[in-house]
Structures are given as C-alpha cells and as structure tokens.
Amino acid sequence: METTELLKKVRKIEIKTRGLSQELFSGEYHTAFKGRGMSFSEVREYQVGDEIRAIDWNVTARFNHPFVKVFEEERELTVMLIVDVSGSENFGTKKQFKQDMITELCAVLAFSAIQNNDKIGVIFFSDTIEKFIPPKKGKSHILHIIRELIQFKPKSQKTNINQALRYFTNVIKKKSIAFVISDFMDDNYYDALKIASRKHDLVALRIYDKRERELPDMGLVKFKDPETGQTIWLDTSSKDVRHHYFAAVREREKMMKDIFIRSGVDVANISTDESYIQPLTTLFKSRGR
C-alpha cells in the first residue's frame, strides 16, 4: 500500500473511531473496567450522608470537628488487544471483511483507553506470534497500532488461539484488561483461556459473517479454506447438505458459548454486516452493573 493511501486510511479510521470513543464509549469503558483499587486522596469536613467508617478520627480530634477520608480510584490500567490475523479474517460478504471490522474495533478500544489514561498494547497472532507491540500511552502510539492493523501481512494463514493466550500470559506479568478479538475458528484453547482469565480481566470479541452461519441454495459450489488452502465441492441445492452444515455451525457456536461461560470470560458477538456500537455498549453496560 502506498504511503499516501495508508495515511488516508489511518486518518479516516482515526476520525471515525476517535469520535465514537469520545461520544459513546469513554464513560461506559471507565465504568466497565475498574482500576487497581482505591488510594487515599485527602480529608474534608463531614457531610450528612457520609459513612461513619470514613471518619478520620485523628484529624477530627485535632480540629474538634468531624472530618472524613476521601479515596479515589487508582485508574491507570494496561489494556492488551490480542488480535487474530489468520486467513479466516479475510472474509466478508456484506459491508466489510472481518479484518476491517477488527481494525475499527481495535482503534475504538485504543482511543477509549488513552482517554482514561490507560496504556495499550497489541499481540498479533496466527498459529504463531506474528508481532508484539508493548503497552504505551499517547496518540502517536495508537496511530502506530492502526497503521500496523491496516498494512500488517502475517507470515502464516493458520490459527492457534491456545499459543497466543499462553504467550500473553507469559509476557504480560501485571494484571491487565485483555480483549481477544477473533472469529474463534479453532479448537483446544479452553485451558489457556481459563488460565489467562484467572490472571487477567479477559473479554472475547467474536467476529463473524452471517454467510458462515448459513448455506444458501446456489447449486454446486467450490469452497476454499483460507487457512489451509484445501478446497471442497458442495451441492448447496441439497437440503441434507444445508441441514448438516447448519447443524455443524450450531454445534460449534454452542461449544464456544460453553467455553466462554466455563472460563468466566465475557463475550460480545459482532457481525460484519452490523454496527459494533450496540454489542460493545451492551457489553460495557452489563459489566458496569
């Protein structure tokens, strides 16, 4: 991609996602993801409604008038984006590819993070760790992340979520908020997901395309797996073929849902043909409650 074209795309994504993070997500993000705890800030005079246990008895005795301790949240957090860049993300049949949706989501989350004075880092993964961008603050850092999301070319097309989560757990020692952004078309990642969710606050953003959930009647069609390159011919006019495909999809979705529940990971399902605003807002608000 030419530099001028890349800068235009970065700018376009920045304008859209920065505005969304300011108008819609900043408050919900702050409420949904708590700081490390409360730290002492100051003392002030007691007011009606203050809790008795907040009274600073030493200051109260000194001034012969009740004073209470005021605490504030230790806000600064580390936010990690664990981003699937495998071949299956280069798929989309409606508004955009899954990879384009992922880029916008990452940008929105990154801008929401820095507006709350949090650090943001990224791990790109396929069936190997493709790139690690350590957590930092600042607009220039976010623009660097967006540029990488737009132009990054993975070495492999396959997926290994298990390896990505284990790498994340090993490299990020301090507790963080982590968004795993993927279509989760992989197996055998439950144990790694559970281990990571014990140490970190883990959230799954599952990106899917509606055509992956249904098989329309289009006659004899050749399908190609973008990760393995394998091809197969299917007679989509056959009701039995469509029924078996539908059943397999539902079984996989049921398995994924069960994995997220058992590992204690919150999840938002986001379709490429719909806005991600509602799923993200719902996720943030439910966590805030």
Protein backbone atom coordinates (compact mmCIF):
# COMPACT_ATOMS: atom_id res chain seq x y z
CA MET A 1 0.00 0.00 0.00
CA GLU A 2 1.32 3.46 -0.96
CA THR A 3 2.23 5.75 1.95
CA THR A 4 -0.31 8.42 0.91
CA GLU A 5 -3.12 5.86 0.68
CA LEU A 6 -2.11 4.36 4.04
CA LEU A 7 -2.14 7.76 5.75
CA LYS A 8 -5.60 8.49 4.31
CA LYS A 9 -6.94 5.20 5.67
CA VAL A 10 -5.35 5.82 9.07
CA ARG A 11 -6.85 9.32 9.19
CA LYS A 12 -10.29 8.05 8.16
CA ILE A 13 -10.29 5.38 10.87
CA GLU A 14 -8.95 7.86 13.43
CA ILE A 15 -11.74 10.39 12.76
CA LYS A 16 -14.50 7.78 12.96
CA THR A 17 -13.28 5.75 15.93
CA ARG A 18 -11.94 8.64 17.99
CA GLY A 19 -15.33 10.36 17.78
CA LEU A 20 -17.14 7.17 18.78
CA SER A 21 -14.85 6.59 21.75
CA GLN A 22 -15.39 10.17 22.94
CA GLU A 23 -19.16 10.29 22.44
CA LEU A 24 -20.25 6.77 23.24
CA PHE A 25 -17.70 4.56 24.88
CA SER A 26 -15.46 6.60 27.14
CA GLY A 27 -17.84 6.69 30.12
CA GLU A 28 -19.01 3.10 29.72
CA TYR A 29 -15.42 1.92 29.32
CA HIS A 30 -14.38 3.67 32.55
CA THR A 31 -17.30 2.12 34.44
CA ALA A 32 -16.85 -1.35 32.94
CA PHE A 33 -13.14 -1.67 33.64
CA LYS A 34 -12.11 -0.75 37.14
CA GLY A 35 -8.75 0.44 38.36
CA ARG A 36 -6.39 -1.41 40.67
CA GLY A 37 -8.17 -0.20 43.82
CA MET A 38 -8.67 2.91 45.92
CA SER A 39 -5.95 5.20 47.20
CA PHE A 40 -6.12 7.98 49.81
CA SER A 41 -6.61 11.43 48.29
CA GLU A 42 -7.49 13.97 51.01
CA VAL A 43 -9.65 14.74 54.02
CA ARG A 44 -12.70 17.02 54.06
CA GLU A 45 -15.32 18.06 56.56
CA TYR A 46 -18.01 15.53 57.35
CA GLN A 47 -21.28 15.95 55.41
CA VAL A 48 -24.70 14.45 56.10
CA GLY A 49 -24.82 11.03 54.44
CA ASP A 50 -21.11 10.24 54.78
CA GLU A 51 -20.31 6.82 56.21
CA ILE A 52 -19.18 6.76 59.82
CA ARG A 53 -16.34 4.37 58.96
CA ALA A 54 -14.85 7.02 56.64
CA ILE A 55 -14.23 9.42 59.56
CA ASP A 56 -10.58 10.28 60.15
CA TRP A 57 -10.54 10.22 63.95
CA ASN A 58 -7.06 11.74 64.27
CA VAL A 59 -7.95 14.84 62.22
CA THR A 60 -11.36 15.02 63.90
CA ALA A 61 -9.74 15.07 67.36
CA ARG A 62 -7.23 17.71 66.29
CA PHE A 63 -9.85 20.16 64.99
CA ASN A 64 -12.69 19.12 67.29
CA HIS A 65 -14.89 18.75 64.23
CA PRO A 66 -15.64 15.61 62.17
CA PHE A 67 -13.55 15.02 59.03
CA VAL A 68 -13.71 12.09 56.59
CA LYS A 69 -11.09 10.45 54.41
CA VAL A 70 -11.59 10.76 50.66
CA PHE A 71 -10.33 7.97 48.40
CA GLU A 72 -10.03 7.91 44.63
CA GLU A 73 -9.64 5.09 42.15
CA GLU A 74 -6.14 4.17 41.04
CA ARG A 75 -7.09 4.38 37.42
CA GLU A 76 -4.11 3.61 35.22
CA LEU A 77 -4.60 0.20 33.61
CA THR A 78 -2.82 -1.86 30.97
CA VAL A 79 -5.06 -2.85 28.07
CA MET A 80 -3.98 -5.58 25.65
CA LEU A 81 -5.51 -6.33 22.26
CA ILE A 82 -4.92 -9.96 21.27
CA VAL A 83 -5.70 -9.83 17.55
CA ASP A 84 -6.29 -12.75 15.19
CA VAL A 85 -4.63 -12.05 11.81
CA SER A 86 -5.11 -15.53 10.31
CA GLY A 87 -6.55 -16.20 6.86
CA SER A 88 -10.16 -16.63 8.02
CA GLU A 89 -10.28 -12.94 8.97
CA ASN A 90 -10.05 -12.00 5.27
CA PHE A 91 -13.68 -12.93 4.74
CA GLY A 92 -16.83 -10.86 4.44
CA THR A 93 -19.91 -10.94 2.27
CA LYS A 94 -21.82 -7.81 3.28
CA LYS A 95 -20.43 -4.45 4.41
CA GLN A 96 -16.81 -5.36 5.15
CA PHE A 97 -14.25 -8.06 5.81
CA LYS A 98 -13.78 -9.34 9.35
CA GLN A 99 -10.28 -7.84 9.35
CA ASP A 100 -11.67 -4.35 8.60
CA MET A 101 -14.13 -4.71 11.47
CA ILE A 102 -11.29 -5.81 13.77
CA THR A 103 -9.23 -2.75 12.80
CA GLU A 104 -12.06 -0.37 13.72
CA LEU A 105 -12.76 -2.19 16.98
CA CYS A 106 -9.11 -2.03 18.00
CA ALA A 107 -8.99 1.70 17.20
CA VAL A 108 -12.12 2.43 19.26
CA LEU A 109 -10.79 0.45 22.23
CA ALA A 110 -7.38 2.11 21.95
CA PHE A 111 -8.82 5.64 21.94
CA SER A 112 -11.12 4.74 24.84
CA ALA A 113 -8.09 3.51 26.75
CA ILE A 114 -5.94 6.62 26.34
CA GLN A 115 -8.87 8.89 27.17
CA ASN A 116 -8.90 7.10 30.52
CA ASN A 117 -5.10 7.41 30.88
CA ASP A 118 -4.54 3.68 30.30
CA LYS A 119 -1.71 2.03 28.38
CA ILE A 120 -2.49 -0.02 25.27
CA GLY A 121 -0.54 -2.87 23.66
CA VAL A 122 -1.16 -5.42 20.90
CA ILE A 123 -0.34 -9.04 20.14
CA PHE A 124 -0.90 -10.14 16.52
CA PHE A 125 -1.25 -13.90 16.18
CA SER A 126 -1.93 -16.61 13.60
CA ASP A 127 -0.65 -20.08 14.52
CA THR A 128 2.42 -18.24 15.75
CA ILE A 129 3.07 -14.90 17.45
CA GLU A 130 3.34 -12.55 14.49
CA LYS A 131 4.09 -9.28 16.32
CA PHE A 132 4.11 -7.83 19.83
CA ILE A 133 3.67 -4.10 20.42
CA PRO A 134 4.38 -3.34 24.13
CA PRO A 135 1.82 -1.24 26.06
CA LYS A 136 2.34 2.52 25.93
CA LYS A 137 0.31 5.72 26.10
CA GLY A 138 -0.22 8.53 23.62
CA LYS A 139 -1.90 9.33 20.33
CA SER A 140 1.22 8.62 18.25
CA HIS A 141 1.35 5.13 19.75
CA ILE A 142 -2.29 4.50 18.78
CA LEU A 143 -1.73 5.73 15.24
CA HIS A 144 1.22 3.34 15.02
CA ILE A 145 -1.09 0.49 16.09
CA ILE A 146 -3.72 1.49 13.49
CA ARG A 147 -1.08 1.60 10.74
CA GLU A 148 0.05 -1.89 11.70
CA LEU A 149 -3.54 -3.17 11.72
CA ILE A 150 -4.10 -1.83 8.20
CA GLN A 151 -0.91 -2.97 6.50
CA PHE A 152 0.26 -5.97 8.52
CA LYS A 153 0.89 -9.13 6.46
CA PRO A 154 1.06 -12.31 8.57
CA LYS A 155 3.63 -15.00 7.82
CA SER A 156 1.06 -17.74 8.38
CA GLN A 157 -2.62 -18.10 7.48
CA LYS A 158 -3.47 -20.63 10.21
CA THR A 159 -4.82 -20.09 13.76
CA ASN A 160 -3.62 -21.12 17.20
CA ILE A 161 -5.51 -19.29 19.96
CA ASN A 162 -4.01 -21.55 22.62
CA GLN A 163 -0.46 -20.41 21.77
CA ALA A 164 -1.47 -16.74 21.64
CA LEU A 165 -3.04 -16.87 25.09
CA ARG A 166 -0.08 -18.70 26.61
CA TYR A 167 2.31 -16.12 25.14
CA PHE A 168 0.15 -13.31 26.50
CA THR A 169 0.09 -14.87 29.99
CA ASN A 170 3.88 -15.23 29.97
CA VAL A 171 4.80 -11.82 28.57
CA ILE A 172 2.31 -9.60 30.49
CA LYS A 173 3.08 -10.20 34.15
CA LYS A 174 0.96 -7.43 35.66
CA LYS A 175 -2.83 -7.85 35.70
CA SER A 176 -4.37 -6.25 32.62
CA ILE A 177 -7.59 -5.94 30.65
CA ALA A 178 -7.30 -8.07 27.53
CA PHE A 179 -9.58 -8.21 24.50
CA VAL A 180 -9.22 -11.38 22.44
CA ILE A 181 -10.51 -10.37 19.00
CA SER A 182 -11.08 -13.33 16.70
CA ASP A 183 -13.66 -15.45 14.92
CA PHE A 184 -12.56 -18.26 17.29
CA MET A 185 -12.46 -20.80 14.45
CA ASP A 186 -10.06 -23.01 16.34
CA ASP A 187 -10.05 -25.82 18.89
CA ASN A 188 -8.27 -26.73 22.12
CA TYR A 189 -7.96 -23.26 23.65
CA TYR A 190 -10.16 -23.72 26.74
CA ASP A 191 -7.34 -24.42 29.21
CA ALA A 192 -5.26 -21.45 28.05
CA LEU A 193 -8.34 -19.21 28.14
CA LYS A 194 -9.16 -20.27 31.68
CA ILE A 195 -5.58 -19.73 32.90
CA ALA A 196 -5.41 -16.28 31.28
CA SER A 197 -8.79 -15.24 32.71
CA ARG A 198 -7.62 -16.10 36.25
CA LYS A 199 -4.68 -13.74 35.97
CA HIS A 200 -6.22 -11.02 33.78
CA ASP A 201 -9.61 -9.45 33.06
CA LEU A 202 -10.31 -11.20 29.76
CA VAL A 203 -13.01 -10.24 27.25
CA ALA A 204 -13.76 -12.08 23.99
CA LEU A 205 -14.93 -10.15 20.93
CA ARG A 206 -16.11 -12.77 18.45
CA ILE A 207 -16.30 -11.50 14.87
CA TYR A 208 -18.41 -13.45 12.41
CA ASP A 209 -20.05 -13.15 9.00
CA LYS A 210 -23.66 -14.25 8.54
CA ARG A 211 -22.74 -16.35 5.50
CA GLU A 212 -20.69 -18.53 7.82
CA ARG A 213 -23.85 -19.44 9.71
CA GLU A 214 -25.99 -20.40 6.72
CA LEU A 215 -25.59 -22.13 3.37
CA PRO A 216 -27.80 -20.62 0.64
CA ASP A 217 -29.07 -22.67 -2.28
CA MET A 218 -26.56 -21.82 -5.04
CA GLY A 219 -26.17 -25.23 -6.70
CA LEU A 220 -22.74 -26.86 -6.97
CA VAL A 221 -20.20 -24.56 -5.31
CA LYS A 222 -16.43 -24.83 -4.76
CA PHE A 223 -15.31 -23.76 -1.26
CA LYS A 224 -11.73 -22.96 -0.25
CA ASP A 225 -10.36 -22.91 3.29
CA PRO A 226 -8.34 -19.64 3.53
CA GLU A 227 -6.11 -21.07 6.26
CA THR A 228 -5.18 -24.45 4.74
CA GLY A 229 -5.84 -23.82 1.05
CA GLN A 230 -7.91 -27.01 0.84
CA THR A 231 -10.93 -26.97 -1.49
CA ILE A 232 -14.18 -28.90 -1.50
CA TRP A 233 -17.22 -29.06 -3.77
CA LEU A 234 -20.66 -28.92 -2.14
CA ASP A 235 -24.09 -29.33 -3.67
CA THR A 236 -25.83 -26.49 -1.86
CA SER A 237 -29.11 -27.30 -3.59
CA SER A 238 -29.32 -30.42 -1.39
CA LYS A 239 -31.47 -29.92 1.71
CA ASP A 240 -29.48 -32.59 3.54
CA VAL A 241 -26.20 -30.76 2.85
CA ARG A 242 -27.64 -27.46 4.08
CA HIS A 243 -29.15 -29.16 7.13
CA HIS A 244 -25.85 -30.82 8.12
CA TYR A 245 -23.98 -27.55 7.62
CA PHE A 246 -26.49 -25.67 9.79
CA ALA A 247 -26.28 -28.35 12.50
CA ALA A 248 -22.45 -28.23 12.50
CA VAL A 249 -22.45 -24.43 12.82
CA ARG A 250 -24.91 -24.51 15.72
CA GLU A 251 -22.87 -27.19 17.48
CA ARG A 252 -19.68 -25.10 17.16
CA GLU A 253 -21.45 -21.98 18.46
CA LYS A 254 -22.82 -23.95 21.40
CA MET A 255 -19.31 -25.25 22.15
CA MET A 256 -17.84 -21.72 22.05
CA LYS A 257 -20.56 -20.36 24.33
CA ASP A 258 -19.90 -23.15 26.81
CA ILE A 259 -16.14 -22.46 26.74
CA PHE A 260 -16.64 -18.75 27.49
CA ILE A 261 -19.06 -19.48 30.35
CA ARG A 262 -16.84 -22.15 31.97
CA SER A 263 -13.72 -19.98 31.71
CA GLY A 264 -15.52 -16.92 33.15
CA VAL A 265 -14.91 -14.75 30.08
CA ASP A 266 -17.38 -12.06 28.96
CA VAL A 267 -18.14 -12.17 25.23
CA ALA A 268 -19.68 -9.94 22.59
CA ASN A 269 -20.70 -11.43 19.23
CA ILE A 270 -20.26 -8.91 16.41
CA SER A 271 -21.38 -9.43 12.81
CA THR A 272 -19.60 -7.85 9.83
CA ASP A 273 -22.90 -6.60 8.38
CA GLU A 274 -23.99 -4.76 11.54
CA SER A 275 -22.67 -1.90 13.65
CA TYR A 276 -20.38 -2.87 16.52
CA ILE A 277 -21.71 0.03 18.61
CA GLN A 278 -24.64 -1.84 20.15
CA PRO A 279 -22.73 -5.04 21.09
CA LEU A 280 -19.90 -3.02 22.66
CA THR A 281 -22.27 -0.69 24.52
CA THR A 282 -24.26 -3.67 25.82
CA LEU A 283 -21.03 -5.38 26.96
CA PHE A 284 -19.74 -2.28 28.76
CA LYS A 285 -23.05 -1.56 30.46
CA SER A 286 -23.52 -5.15 31.62
CA ARG A 287 -20.02 -5.13 33.14
CA GLY A 288 -20.71 -1.73 34.74
CA ARG A 289 -23.73 -3.21 36.52
